[in-house]
Amino acid sequence: MALEDSEVALLPKQEFQQQLASDTTLSFLFISFVMNSLNEAEQRLLKLAYNSARSRVVEALLFLFRKYKAREGDTIPLSRENISTLAGISPESVSRNLGELRNEGLIEILHGAVKLCNLYKLEHLRAC
């Protein structure tokens, strides 16, 4: 599922490989992109394995806020199912944790969206 409007283009495998072979700058950028993606995936898996449900919800929210380049006071479209998938916990656990974060004044929950109210405290929860 795309988080924002996207365009998709298909490039035949052989054509892509030829382009990588002929353009060292493109090859370097592609390898760097793949390495960064693998590193991010590894970090997310470690957090899924060892962090509490609350920490995982906070981490998922911060990940999405960064992706949307959200600032305090911004609202981004989010469903508990999306957060559940990112956090690796049930939608019910997401709802409970979102409710706690709302009660603490860190976020506001709107229909199909979450408003960032206190980024500093949310970041601090991730570090704990």
C-alpha atoms as a PDB file:
ATOM      1  CA  MET A   1       0.000   0.000   0.000  1.00  0.00           C
ATOM      2  CA  ALA A   2       1.378   3.405  -0.947  1.00  0.00           C
ATOM      3  CA  LEU A   3       1.295   6.123   1.695  1.00  0.00           C
ATOM      4  CA  GLU A   4       1.094   8.881  -0.899  1.00  0.00           C
ATOM      5  CA  ASP A   5       0.356   9.319  -4.607  1.00  0.00           C
ATOM      6  CA  SER A   6       2.803   7.207  -6.572  1.00  0.00           C
ATOM      7  CA  GLU A   7       3.761   6.294 -10.103  1.00  0.00           C
ATOM      8  CA  VAL A   8       4.915   2.812 -11.014  1.00  0.00           C
ATOM      9  CA  ALA A   9       6.953   1.988 -14.091  1.00  0.00           C
ATOM     10  CA  LEU A  10       8.106  -1.394 -15.315  1.00  0.00           C
ATOM     11  CA  LEU A  11      11.617  -1.835 -16.616  1.00  0.00           C
ATOM     12  CA  PRO A  12      12.652  -5.165 -18.135  1.00  0.00           C
ATOM     13  CA  LYS A  13      15.270  -6.942 -16.014  1.00  0.00           C
ATOM     14  CA  GLN A  14      17.776  -7.198 -18.857  1.00  0.00           C
ATOM     15  CA  GLU A  15      17.488  -3.478 -19.658  1.00  0.00           C
ATOM     16  CA  PHE A  16      17.975  -2.602 -15.980  1.00  0.00           C
ATOM     17  CA  GLN A  17      21.047  -4.838 -15.728  1.00  0.00           C
ATOM     18  CA  GLN A  18      22.523  -3.283 -18.875  1.00  0.00           C
ATOM     19  CA  GLN A  19      21.980   0.191 -17.439  1.00  0.00           C
ATOM     20  CA  LEU A  20      23.671  -0.800 -14.156  1.00  0.00           C
ATOM     21  CA  ALA A  21      26.612  -2.291 -16.065  1.00  0.00           C
ATOM     22  CA  SER A  22      27.110   0.813 -18.184  1.00  0.00           C
ATOM     23  CA  ASP A  23      26.626   3.515 -15.523  1.00  0.00           C
ATOM     24  CA  THR A  24      28.873   3.224 -12.466  1.00  0.00           C
ATOM     25  CA  THR A  25      27.164   6.140 -10.712  1.00  0.00           C
ATOM     26  CA  LEU A  26      23.775   4.456 -11.052  1.00  0.00           C
ATOM     27  CA  SER A  27      25.284   1.167  -9.866  1.00  0.00           C
ATOM     28  CA  PHE A  28      26.736   2.841  -6.776  1.00  0.00           C
ATOM     29  CA  LEU A  29      23.459   4.619  -5.975  1.00  0.00           C
ATOM     30  CA  PHE A  30      21.460   1.419  -6.424  1.00  0.00           C
ATOM     31  CA  ILE A  31      23.806  -0.616  -4.212  1.00  0.00           C
ATOM     32  CA  SER A  32      23.706   2.121  -1.559  1.00  0.00           C
ATOM     33  CA  PHE A  33      19.897   2.173  -1.682  1.00  0.00           C
ATOM     34  CA  VAL A  34      19.695  -1.615  -1.288  1.00  0.00           C
ATOM     35  CA  MET A  35      22.208  -1.618   1.577  1.00  0.00           C
ATOM     36  CA  ASN A  36      20.324   1.147   3.418  1.00  0.00           C
ATOM     37  CA  SER A  37      17.021  -0.678   2.923  1.00  0.00           C
ATOM     38  CA  LEU A  38      18.504  -3.897   4.312  1.00  0.00           C
ATOM     39  CA  ASN A  39      19.956  -2.063   7.296  1.00  0.00           C
ATOM     40  CA  GLU A  40      16.590  -0.411   8.055  1.00  0.00           C
ATOM     41  CA  ALA A  41      14.813  -3.774   7.762  1.00  0.00           C
ATOM     42  CA  GLU A  42      17.318  -5.398  10.119  1.00  0.00           C
ATOM     43  CA  GLN A  43      16.861  -2.624  12.684  1.00  0.00           C
ATOM     44  CA  ARG A  44      13.055  -2.924  12.470  1.00  0.00           C
ATOM     45  CA  LEU A  45      13.250  -6.700  12.957  1.00  0.00           C
ATOM     46  CA  LEU A  46      15.445  -6.315  16.029  1.00  0.00           C
ATOM     47  CA  LYS A  47      13.008  -3.802  17.500  1.00  0.00           C
ATOM     48  CA  LEU A  48      10.074  -6.109  16.752  1.00  0.00           C
ATOM     49  CA  ALA A  49      11.844  -8.925  18.557  1.00  0.00           C
ATOM     50  CA  TYR A  50      12.882  -7.060  21.687  1.00  0.00           C
ATOM     51  CA  ASN A  51      10.727  -3.953  22.256  1.00  0.00           C
ATOM     52  CA  SER A  52       7.444  -3.743  24.145  1.00  0.00           C
ATOM     53  CA  ALA A  53       4.168  -3.216  22.290  1.00  0.00           C
ATOM     54  CA  ARG A  54       4.121   0.421  23.433  1.00  0.00           C
ATOM     55  CA  SER A  55       7.648   1.045  22.146  1.00  0.00           C
ATOM     56  CA  ARG A  56       6.760  -0.593  18.845  1.00  0.00           C
ATOM     57  CA  VAL A  57       3.693   1.628  18.403  1.00  0.00           C
ATOM     58  CA  VAL A  58       5.780   4.714  19.204  1.00  0.00           C
ATOM     59  CA  GLU A  59       8.467   3.564  16.755  1.00  0.00           C
ATOM     60  CA  ALA A  60       5.860   2.954  14.027  1.00  0.00           C
ATOM     61  CA  LEU A  61       4.352   6.413  14.577  1.00  0.00           C
ATOM     62  CA  LEU A  62       7.752   8.092  14.465  1.00  0.00           C
ATOM     63  CA  PHE A  63       8.662   6.151  11.319  1.00  0.00           C
ATOM     64  CA  LEU A  64       5.479   7.338   9.604  1.00  0.00           C
ATOM     65  CA  PHE A  65       5.848  10.916  10.845  1.00  0.00           C
ATOM     66  CA  ARG A  66       9.384  10.972   9.402  1.00  0.00           C
ATOM     67  CA  LYS A  67       8.178   9.522   6.091  1.00  0.00           C
ATOM     68  CA  TYR A  68       5.547  12.267   5.847  1.00  0.00           C
ATOM     69  CA  LYS A  69       8.049  14.860   7.111  1.00  0.00           C
ATOM     70  CA  ALA A  70       5.474  15.768   9.749  1.00  0.00           C
ATOM     71  CA  ARG A  71       6.102  18.437  12.349  1.00  0.00           C
ATOM     72  CA  GLU A  72       4.385  19.091  15.625  1.00  0.00           C
ATOM     73  CA  GLY A  73       0.745  19.978  14.947  1.00  0.00           C
ATOM     74  CA  ASP A  74       0.670  18.135  11.609  1.00  0.00           C
ATOM     75  CA  THR A  75      -1.902  15.445  10.933  1.00  0.00           C
ATOM     76  CA  ILE A  76      -1.179  12.408   8.799  1.00  0.00           C
ATOM     77  CA  PRO A  77      -3.616   9.777   7.522  1.00  0.00           C
ATOM     78  CA  LEU A  78      -3.174   6.543   9.470  1.00  0.00           C
ATOM     79  CA  SER A  79      -5.266   3.523  10.267  1.00  0.00           C
ATOM     80  CA  ARG A  80      -4.710   1.270  13.237  1.00  0.00           C
ATOM     81  CA  GLU A  81      -4.308  -1.582  10.737  1.00  0.00           C
ATOM     82  CA  ASN A  82      -1.342   0.197   9.102  1.00  0.00           C
ATOM     83  CA  ILE A  83       0.250   0.851  12.481  1.00  0.00           C
ATOM     84  CA  SER A  84      -0.497  -2.743  13.498  1.00  0.00           C
ATOM     85  CA  THR A  85       1.343  -4.053  10.447  1.00  0.00           C
ATOM     86  CA  LEU A  86       4.364  -1.824  11.054  1.00  0.00           C
ATOM     87  CA  ALA A  87       4.490  -2.536  14.784  1.00  0.00           C
ATOM     88  CA  GLY A  88       3.849  -6.268  14.452  1.00  0.00           C
ATOM     89  CA  ILE A  89       1.067  -6.310  17.041  1.00  0.00           C
ATOM     90  CA  SER A  90      -2.699  -6.734  16.954  1.00  0.00           C
ATOM     91  CA  PRO A  91      -4.982  -3.812  16.020  1.00  0.00           C
ATOM     92  CA  GLU A  92      -6.490  -4.061  19.511  1.00  0.00           C
ATOM     93  CA  SER A  93      -3.068  -3.527  21.109  1.00  0.00           C
ATOM     94  CA  VAL A  94      -2.481  -0.597  18.767  1.00  0.00           C
ATOM     95  CA  SER A  95      -5.803   0.960  19.818  1.00  0.00           C
ATOM     96  CA  ARG A  96      -4.972   0.554  23.509  1.00  0.00           C
ATOM     97  CA  ASN A  97      -1.510   2.086  23.088  1.00  0.00           C
ATOM     98  CA  LEU A  98      -2.781   4.931  20.891  1.00  0.00           C
ATOM     99  CA  GLY A  99      -5.358   5.678  23.585  1.00  0.00           C
ATOM    100  CA  GLU A 100      -2.619   5.867  26.214  1.00  0.00           C
ATOM    101  CA  LEU A 101      -0.513   8.163  24.027  1.00  0.00           C
ATOM    102  CA  ARG A 102      -3.586  10.344  23.449  1.00  0.00           C
ATOM    103  CA  ASN A 103      -4.296  10.510  27.195  1.00  0.00           C
ATOM    104  CA  GLU A 104      -0.689  11.610  27.757  1.00  0.00           C
ATOM    105  CA  GLY A 105      -1.173  14.463  25.251  1.00  0.00           C
ATOM    106  CA  LEU A 106       1.387  13.154  22.772  1.00  0.00           C
ATOM    107  CA  ILE A 107      -1.038  12.602  19.888  1.00  0.00           C
ATOM    108  CA  GLU A 108      -4.629  13.287  18.922  1.00  0.00           C
ATOM    109  CA  ILE A 109      -6.665  10.636  17.175  1.00  0.00           C
ATOM    110  CA  LEU A 110      -8.928  11.853  14.413  1.00  0.00           C
ATOM    111  CA  HIS A 111     -11.070   9.779  12.051  1.00  0.00           C
ATOM    112  CA  GLY A 112      -8.478   7.946   9.958  1.00  0.00           C
ATOM    113  CA  ALA A 113      -5.629  10.234  11.011  1.00  0.00           C
ATOM    114  CA  VAL A 114      -3.207  10.987  13.835  1.00  0.00           C
ATOM    115  CA  LYS A 115      -2.060  14.458  14.872  1.00  0.00           C
ATOM    116  CA  LEU A 116       1.430  14.874  16.305  1.00  0.00           C
ATOM    117  CA  CYS A 117       1.157  16.932  19.493  1.00  0.00           C
ATOM    118  CA  ASN A 118       4.470  16.456  21.306  1.00  0.00           C
ATOM    119  CA  LEU A 119       7.355  15.155  19.202  1.00  0.00           C
ATOM    120  CA  TYR A 120       9.947  15.656  21.945  1.00  0.00           C
ATOM    121  CA  LYS A 121       8.152  13.407  24.437  1.00  0.00           C
ATOM    122  CA  LEU A 122       7.325  10.838  21.748  1.00  0.00           C
ATOM    123  CA  GLU A 123      11.010  10.683  20.758  1.00  0.00           C
ATOM    124  CA  HIS A 124      11.912  10.337  24.436  1.00  0.00           C
ATOM    125  CA  LEU A 125       9.575   7.340  24.791  1.00  0.00           C
ATOM    126  CA  ARG A 126      11.372   5.641  21.915  1.00  0.00           C
ATOM    127  CA  ALA A 127      14.684   6.031  23.735  1.00  0.00           C
ATOM    128  CA  CYS A 128      13.347   4.430  26.925  1.00  0.00           C
END
